Amino acid sequence: MYIVDTNVISELTKRTGNPVALAWLEANMDKAYLTCVTLYEMRYGIQRMSDGKRKATYLAQLSHIRETFSHRILDFGAFEAEIAGDLRAYAGVQGVNSTSKDIMIAAIATAHNGVIVTRNTKDFALFDVPLINPFDD
């Protein structure tokens, strides 16, 4: 199971997405999952835009992504929350200030034995979850 981070899935919304990352997504789409955190991040980014054609285009793209992954969106529930608490405490002991979003994604990946697919591997390296950077050739 591949848990695709926001910075990877957003390549689908770009006019000229990164060809290496897009090829990775195409080859692994049947094993790719999103988290509710990624939907949150994407929606938040879109809603900050001024109303207009560009915003409407991104909203339509997000709707299409949500439909494409409709049965492959992982939630952040009670079990994941406990794991996230452990991860945040561990990060604090290590002197690392990770974002709540990254901790939540790492907790979801841990709960589901998933591999996080991200450009920002350094954001997750502390959490001992398998990582793939699909932007690497």
N, C-alpha and C. Protein backbone atom coordinates (compact mmCIF):
# COMPACT_ATOMS: atom_id res chain seq x y z
N MET A 1 0.84 -1.17 0.00
CA MET A 1 0.00 0.00 0.00
C MET A 1 0.89 1.24 0.00
N TYR A 2 0.65 2.11 -0.97
CA TYR A 2 1.37 3.37 -1.07
C TYR A 2 0.46 4.50 -0.60
N ILE A 3 0.93 5.28 0.33
CA ILE A 3 0.17 6.42 0.84
C ILE A 3 0.80 7.67 0.24
N VAL A 4 0.07 8.26 -0.69
CA VAL A 4 0.59 9.35 -1.51
C VAL A 4 0.39 10.69 -0.80
N ASP A 5 1.50 11.39 -0.60
CA ASP A 5 1.48 12.69 0.05
C ASP A 5 0.96 13.76 -0.91
N THR A 6 0.56 14.87 -0.34
CA THR A 6 -0.02 15.97 -1.10
C THR A 6 0.91 16.46 -2.20
N ASN A 7 2.20 16.55 -1.92
CA ASN A 7 3.12 17.08 -2.92
C ASN A 7 3.28 16.16 -4.12
N VAL A 8 2.85 14.94 -4.01
CA VAL A 8 2.90 14.01 -5.15
C VAL A 8 1.58 14.05 -5.92
N ILE A 9 0.45 13.92 -5.23
CA ILE A 9 -0.83 13.88 -5.92
C ILE A 9 -1.13 15.21 -6.60
N SER A 10 -0.59 16.29 -6.06
CA SER A 10 -0.84 17.60 -6.68
C SER A 10 -0.18 17.74 -8.05
N GLU A 11 0.75 16.84 -8.37
CA GLU A 11 1.34 16.85 -9.72
C GLU A 11 0.27 16.64 -10.79
N LEU A 12 -0.81 15.95 -10.41
CA LEU A 12 -1.90 15.72 -11.36
C LEU A 12 -2.65 17.00 -11.72
N THR A 13 -2.52 18.02 -10.89
CA THR A 13 -3.27 19.26 -11.12
C THR A 13 -2.46 20.30 -11.87
N LYS A 14 -1.20 20.02 -12.13
CA LYS A 14 -0.32 20.98 -12.79
C LYS A 14 -0.38 20.83 -14.31
N ARG A 15 -0.21 21.94 -15.00
CA ARG A 15 -0.18 21.88 -16.47
C ARG A 15 0.93 20.96 -16.95
N THR A 16 2.09 21.13 -16.35
CA THR A 16 3.23 20.29 -16.69
C THR A 16 3.76 19.70 -15.40
N GLY A 17 3.18 18.58 -15.01
CA GLY A 17 3.63 17.91 -13.80
C GLY A 17 4.97 17.25 -14.04
N ASN A 18 5.64 16.91 -12.97
CA ASN A 18 6.93 16.24 -13.06
C ASN A 18 6.75 14.89 -13.75
N PRO A 19 7.41 14.67 -14.89
CA PRO A 19 7.18 13.43 -15.65
C PRO A 19 7.56 12.16 -14.91
N VAL A 20 8.60 12.23 -14.08
CA VAL A 20 9.02 11.04 -13.33
C VAL A 20 7.97 10.69 -12.28
N ALA A 21 7.50 11.69 -11.55
CA ALA A 21 6.48 11.45 -10.53
C ALA A 21 5.16 10.99 -11.17
N LEU A 22 4.79 11.60 -12.28
CA LEU A 22 3.55 11.19 -12.96
C LEU A 22 3.64 9.77 -13.48
N ALA A 23 4.80 9.39 -13.98
CA ALA A 23 4.98 8.01 -14.45
C ALA A 23 4.88 7.04 -13.28
N TRP A 24 5.45 7.42 -12.14
CA TRP A 24 5.35 6.57 -10.96
C TRP A 24 3.89 6.40 -10.54
N LEU A 25 3.15 7.50 -10.51
CA LEU A 25 1.73 7.44 -10.15
C LEU A 25 0.96 6.54 -11.10
N GLU A 26 1.18 6.70 -12.37
CA GLU A 26 0.47 5.89 -13.37
C GLU A 26 0.78 4.40 -13.18
N ALA A 27 2.02 4.08 -12.94
CA ALA A 27 2.42 2.68 -12.80
C ALA A 27 1.92 2.05 -11.50
N ASN A 28 1.62 2.88 -10.50
CA ASN A 28 1.26 2.35 -9.17
C ASN A 28 -0.13 2.77 -8.69
N MET A 29 -0.93 3.30 -9.59
CA MET A 29 -2.23 3.84 -9.21
C MET A 29 -3.11 2.82 -8.49
N ASP A 30 -3.04 1.57 -8.86
CA ASP A 30 -3.90 0.56 -8.24
C ASP A 30 -3.53 0.26 -6.79
N LYS A 31 -2.33 0.66 -6.37
CA LYS A 31 -1.89 0.45 -4.99
C LYS A 31 -1.77 1.76 -4.22
N ALA A 32 -2.19 2.86 -4.84
CA ALA A 32 -2.04 4.19 -4.25
C ALA A 32 -3.27 4.57 -3.44
N TYR A 33 -3.03 5.11 -2.26
CA TYR A 33 -4.08 5.57 -1.36
C TYR A 33 -3.79 7.02 -0.98
N LEU A 34 -4.83 7.74 -0.65
CA LEU A 34 -4.70 9.09 -0.10
C LEU A 34 -5.14 9.06 1.36
N THR A 35 -4.80 10.10 2.08
CA THR A 35 -5.30 10.25 3.43
C THR A 35 -6.25 11.45 3.47
N CYS A 36 -7.08 11.47 4.49
CA CYS A 36 -7.98 12.61 4.68
C CYS A 36 -7.16 13.89 4.89
N VAL A 37 -5.94 13.76 5.37
CA VAL A 37 -5.06 14.91 5.58
C VAL A 37 -4.71 15.56 4.25
N THR A 38 -4.46 14.76 3.23
CA THR A 38 -4.15 15.31 1.91
C THR A 38 -5.36 16.04 1.34
N LEU A 39 -6.54 15.49 1.51
CA LEU A 39 -7.74 16.19 1.04
C LEU A 39 -7.89 17.53 1.76
N TYR A 40 -7.63 17.53 3.05
CA TYR A 40 -7.67 18.77 3.84
C TYR A 40 -6.68 19.79 3.28
N GLU A 41 -5.44 19.37 3.07
CA GLU A 41 -4.41 20.29 2.59
C GLU A 41 -4.76 20.87 1.22
N MET A 42 -5.26 20.01 0.34
CA MET A 42 -5.60 20.48 -1.00
C MET A 42 -6.78 21.45 -0.95
N ARG A 43 -7.81 21.08 -0.20
CA ARG A 43 -8.99 21.94 -0.10
C ARG A 43 -8.65 23.29 0.51
N TYR A 44 -7.85 23.27 1.56
CA TYR A 44 -7.42 24.51 2.20
C TYR A 44 -6.69 25.42 1.20
N GLY A 45 -5.75 24.85 0.47
CA GLY A 45 -5.00 25.62 -0.52
C GLY A 45 -5.90 26.24 -1.58
N ILE A 46 -6.87 25.48 -2.03
CA ILE A 46 -7.79 25.97 -3.07
C ILE A 46 -8.67 27.08 -2.51
N GLN A 47 -9.19 26.89 -1.32
CA GLN A 47 -10.11 27.87 -0.74
C GLN A 47 -9.43 29.20 -0.43
N ARG A 48 -8.13 29.21 -0.35
CA ARG A 48 -7.39 30.46 -0.13
C ARG A 48 -7.25 31.27 -1.41
N MET A 49 -7.56 30.67 -2.55
CA MET A 49 -7.47 31.38 -3.83
C MET A 49 -8.65 32.34 -3.99
N SER A 50 -8.43 33.35 -4.81
CA SER A 50 -9.52 34.26 -5.15
C SER A 50 -10.52 33.51 -6.02
N ASP A 51 -11.79 33.88 -5.86
CA ASP A 51 -12.81 33.26 -6.70
C ASP A 51 -12.52 33.55 -8.16
N GLY A 52 -12.80 32.57 -9.00
CA GLY A 52 -12.57 32.75 -10.43
C GLY A 52 -12.37 31.40 -11.12
N LYS A 53 -11.98 31.49 -12.37
CA LYS A 53 -11.83 30.29 -13.20
C LYS A 53 -10.76 29.35 -12.66
N ARG A 54 -9.64 29.90 -12.21
CA ARG A 54 -8.54 29.07 -11.71
C ARG A 54 -8.99 28.26 -10.49
N LYS A 55 -9.66 28.92 -9.56
CA LYS A 55 -10.15 28.25 -8.36
C LYS A 55 -11.17 27.18 -8.74
N ALA A 56 -12.07 27.48 -9.65
CA ALA A 56 -13.08 26.52 -10.09
C ALA A 56 -12.42 25.30 -10.74
N THR A 57 -11.36 25.53 -11.50
CA THR A 57 -10.64 24.43 -12.14
C THR A 57 -10.02 23.52 -11.09
N TYR A 58 -9.38 24.10 -10.09
CA TYR A 58 -8.77 23.30 -9.03
C TYR A 58 -9.82 22.55 -8.21
N LEU A 59 -10.95 23.17 -7.95
CA LEU A 59 -12.03 22.47 -7.23
C LEU A 59 -12.52 21.27 -8.02
N ALA A 60 -12.65 21.43 -9.34
CA ALA A 60 -13.07 20.32 -10.20
C ALA A 60 -12.01 19.22 -10.19
N GLN A 61 -10.75 19.60 -10.22
CA GLN A 61 -9.68 18.61 -10.19
C GLN A 61 -9.68 17.85 -8.86
N LEU A 62 -9.90 18.56 -7.76
CA LEU A 62 -9.96 17.91 -6.47
C LEU A 62 -11.14 16.95 -6.41
N SER A 63 -12.27 17.34 -6.96
CA SER A 63 -13.44 16.47 -7.00
C SER A 63 -13.13 15.19 -7.78
N HIS A 64 -12.42 15.34 -8.90
CA HIS A 64 -12.05 14.18 -9.71
C HIS A 64 -11.08 13.27 -8.95
N ILE A 65 -10.11 13.86 -8.26
CA ILE A 65 -9.16 13.07 -7.46
C ILE A 65 -9.91 12.32 -6.37
N ARG A 66 -10.82 13.01 -5.69
CA ARG A 66 -11.60 12.36 -4.62
C ARG A 66 -12.43 11.21 -5.17
N GLU A 67 -13.01 11.38 -6.35
CA GLU A 67 -13.78 10.30 -6.97
C GLU A 67 -12.88 9.14 -7.37
N THR A 68 -11.73 9.45 -7.93
CA THR A 68 -10.78 8.42 -8.36
C THR A 68 -10.34 7.55 -7.18
N PHE A 69 -10.15 8.19 -6.04
CA PHE A 69 -9.66 7.50 -4.85
C PHE A 69 -10.78 7.19 -3.86
N SER A 70 -12.01 7.24 -4.29
CA SER A 70 -13.15 7.17 -3.37
C SER A 70 -13.09 6.00 -2.39
N HIS A 71 -12.58 4.87 -2.79
CA HIS A 71 -12.49 3.71 -1.91
C HIS A 71 -11.07 3.51 -1.38
N ARG A 72 -10.23 4.53 -1.61
CA ARG A 72 -8.84 4.43 -1.17
C ARG A 72 -8.41 5.72 -0.47
N ILE A 73 -9.28 6.21 0.41
CA ILE A 73 -8.96 7.37 1.23
C ILE A 73 -8.95 6.90 2.68
N LEU A 74 -7.82 7.05 3.32
CA LEU A 74 -7.64 6.56 4.68
C LEU A 74 -7.93 7.68 5.68
N ASP A 75 -8.73 7.36 6.68
CA ASP A 75 -9.12 8.33 7.70
C ASP A 75 -8.15 8.34 8.86
N PHE A 76 -8.26 9.40 9.64
CA PHE A 76 -7.51 9.55 10.88
C PHE A 76 -8.49 9.33 12.02
N GLY A 77 -8.44 8.14 12.61
CA GLY A 77 -9.36 7.79 13.68
C GLY A 77 -8.66 7.66 15.00
N ALA A 78 -9.33 7.00 15.93
CA ALA A 78 -8.82 6.87 17.30
C ALA A 78 -7.48 6.13 17.35
N PHE A 79 -7.37 5.02 16.60
CA PHE A 79 -6.12 4.25 16.61
C PHE A 79 -4.97 5.09 16.07
N GLU A 80 -5.23 5.79 14.97
CA GLU A 80 -4.21 6.64 14.36
C GLU A 80 -3.84 7.79 15.30
N ALA A 81 -4.84 8.30 16.04
CA ALA A 81 -4.58 9.40 16.98
C ALA A 81 -3.62 8.96 18.08
N GLU A 82 -3.78 7.74 18.56
CA GLU A 82 -2.86 7.25 19.58
C GLU A 82 -1.45 7.10 19.03
N ILE A 83 -1.35 6.58 17.83
CA ILE A 83 -0.03 6.45 17.20
C ILE A 83 0.58 7.83 17.01
N ALA A 84 -0.23 8.80 16.57
CA ALA A 84 0.27 10.16 16.35
C ALA A 84 0.79 10.77 17.65
N GLY A 85 0.09 10.51 18.74
CA GLY A 85 0.57 11.00 20.03
C GLY A 85 1.93 10.44 20.38
N ASP A 86 2.11 9.15 20.12
CA ASP A 86 3.41 8.52 20.35
C ASP A 86 4.49 9.13 19.46
N LEU A 87 4.16 9.33 18.19
CA LEU A 87 5.13 9.88 17.24
C LEU A 87 5.51 11.32 17.61
N ARG A 88 4.52 12.10 18.00
CA ARG A 88 4.81 13.49 18.37
C ARG A 88 5.69 13.55 19.61
N ALA A 89 5.40 12.70 20.59
CA ALA A 89 6.22 12.65 21.79
C ALA A 89 7.65 12.24 21.45
N TYR A 90 7.79 11.24 20.59
CA TYR A 90 9.12 10.78 20.17
C TYR A 90 9.88 11.90 19.46
N ALA A 91 9.19 12.61 18.57
CA ALA A 91 9.83 13.72 17.85
C ALA A 91 10.30 14.78 18.84
N GLY A 92 9.47 15.08 19.82
CA GLY A 92 9.85 16.07 20.82
C GLY A 92 11.08 15.68 21.60
N VAL A 93 11.16 14.41 21.98
CA VAL A 93 12.34 13.92 22.70
C VAL A 93 13.59 14.05 21.83
N GLN A 94 13.40 13.87 20.52
CA GLN A 94 14.53 13.96 19.59
C GLN A 94 14.86 15.41 19.24
N GLY A 95 14.05 16.35 19.74
CA GLY A 95 14.29 17.77 19.46
C GLY A 95 13.80 18.20 18.09
N VAL A 96 12.89 17.43 17.51
CA VAL A 96 12.36 17.73 16.18
C VAL A 96 10.94 18.26 16.31
N ASN A 97 10.67 19.34 15.64
CA ASN A 97 9.34 19.93 15.67
C ASN A 97 8.64 19.62 14.34
N SER A 98 7.98 18.49 14.26
CA SER A 98 7.27 18.07 13.05
C SER A 98 5.89 18.72 13.01
N THR A 99 5.37 18.91 11.80
CA THR A 99 4.03 19.47 11.68
C THR A 99 3.00 18.40 12.04
N SER A 100 1.87 18.84 12.53
CA SER A 100 0.79 17.91 12.86
C SER A 100 0.35 17.12 11.63
N LYS A 101 0.33 17.76 10.47
CA LYS A 101 -0.10 17.07 9.24
C LYS A 101 0.84 15.91 8.93
N ASP A 102 2.14 16.14 9.02
CA ASP A 102 3.09 15.06 8.73
C ASP A 102 2.98 13.94 9.76
N ILE A 103 2.78 14.30 11.02
CA ILE A 103 2.62 13.28 12.06
C ILE A 103 1.36 12.46 11.81
N MET A 104 0.29 13.12 11.40
CA MET A 104 -0.96 12.41 11.13
C MET A 104 -0.78 11.45 9.96
N ILE A 105 -0.11 11.88 8.90
CA ILE A 105 0.12 11.01 7.75
C ILE A 105 1.01 9.84 8.16
N ALA A 106 2.05 10.12 8.94
CA ALA A 106 2.93 9.04 9.41
C ALA A 106 2.16 8.05 10.27
N ALA A 107 1.25 8.54 11.11
CA ALA A 107 0.44 7.66 11.96
C ALA A 107 -0.49 6.80 11.11
N ILE A 108 -1.10 7.38 10.10
CA ILE A 108 -1.97 6.60 9.20
C ILE A 108 -1.15 5.53 8.48
N ALA A 109 0.03 5.90 8.00
CA ALA A 109 0.90 4.93 7.33
C ALA A 109 1.30 3.80 8.28
N THR A 110 1.62 4.15 9.50
CA THR A 110 1.99 3.14 10.49
C THR A 110 0.83 2.20 10.77
N ALA A 111 -0.36 2.76 10.95
CA ALA A 111 -1.54 1.95 11.26
C ALA A 111 -1.89 0.98 10.15
N HIS A 112 -1.56 1.35 8.91
CA HIS A 112 -1.94 0.52 7.76
C HIS A 112 -0.74 -0.18 7.12
N ASN A 113 0.42 -0.13 7.79
CA ASN A 113 1.65 -0.73 7.23
C ASN A 113 1.92 -0.23 5.82
N GLY A 114 1.76 1.06 5.63
CA GLY A 114 1.93 1.65 4.31
C GLY A 114 3.29 2.28 4.11
N VAL A 115 3.56 2.57 2.85
CA VAL A 115 4.78 3.25 2.43
C VAL A 115 4.36 4.67 2.05
N ILE A 116 5.00 5.67 2.64
CA ILE A 116 4.68 7.05 2.31
C ILE A 116 5.43 7.44 1.04
N VAL A 117 4.69 7.98 0.08
CA VAL A 117 5.25 8.42 -1.18
C VAL A 117 5.25 9.95 -1.15
N THR A 118 6.45 10.54 -1.08
CA THR A 118 6.57 11.98 -0.88
C THR A 118 7.85 12.51 -1.48
N ARG A 119 7.81 13.77 -1.84
CA ARG A 119 9.03 14.45 -2.25
C ARG A 119 9.84 14.84 -1.01
N ASN A 120 9.15 15.05 0.09
CA ASN A 120 9.76 15.55 1.32
C ASN A 120 10.08 14.40 2.29
N THR A 121 10.95 13.53 1.89
CA THR A 121 11.27 12.37 2.73
C THR A 121 11.86 12.78 4.08
N LYS A 122 12.56 13.91 4.13
CA LYS A 122 13.15 14.36 5.39
C LYS A 122 12.08 14.64 6.44
N ASP A 123 10.87 15.02 6.01
CA ASP A 123 9.79 15.32 6.96
C ASP A 123 9.29 14.07 7.68
N PHE A 124 9.56 12.90 7.11
CA PHE A 124 9.05 11.65 7.67
C PHE A 124 10.15 10.70 8.13
N ALA A 125 11.40 11.02 7.87
CA ALA A 125 12.51 10.11 8.14
C ALA A 125 12.60 9.70 9.60
N LEU A 126 12.25 10.57 10.52
CA LEU A 126 12.34 10.29 11.95
C LEU A 126 11.38 9.20 12.40
N PHE A 127 10.29 9.00 11.65
CA PHE A 127 9.19 8.16 12.12
C PHE A 127 9.30 6.68 11.75
N ASP A 128 10.38 6.28 11.18
CA ASP A 128 10.62 4.86 10.90
C ASP A 128 9.48 4.24 10.07
N VAL A 129 9.04 4.97 9.05
CA VAL A 129 8.08 4.42 8.09
C VAL A 129 8.79 4.32 6.74
N PRO A 130 8.46 3.31 5.96
CA PRO A 130 9.09 3.21 4.63
C PRO A 130 8.71 4.42 3.77
N LEU A 131 9.68 4.88 3.00
CA LEU A 131 9.50 6.08 2.17
C LEU A 131 9.93 5.84 0.74
N ILE A 132 9.23 6.47 -0.17
CA ILE A 132 9.62 6.49 -1.59
C ILE A 132 9.53 7.93 -2.06
N ASN A 133 10.55 8.38 -2.76
CA ASN A 133 10.50 9.68 -3.43
C ASN A 133 10.32 9.43 -4.92
N PRO A 134 9.10 9.60 -5.44
CA PRO A 134 8.86 9.30 -6.85
C PRO A 134 9.44 10.34 -7.80
N PHE A 135 10.04 11.38 -7.27
CA PHE A 135 10.66 12.38 -8.10
C PHE A 135 12.09 11.99 -8.44
N ASP A 136 12.62 11.01 -7.71
CA ASP A 136 13.97 10.52 -7.99
C ASP A 136 13.92 9.66 -9.24
N ASP A 137 14.87 9.86 -10.09
CA ASP A 137 14.91 9.10 -11.34
C ASP A 137 15.42 7.71 -11.12
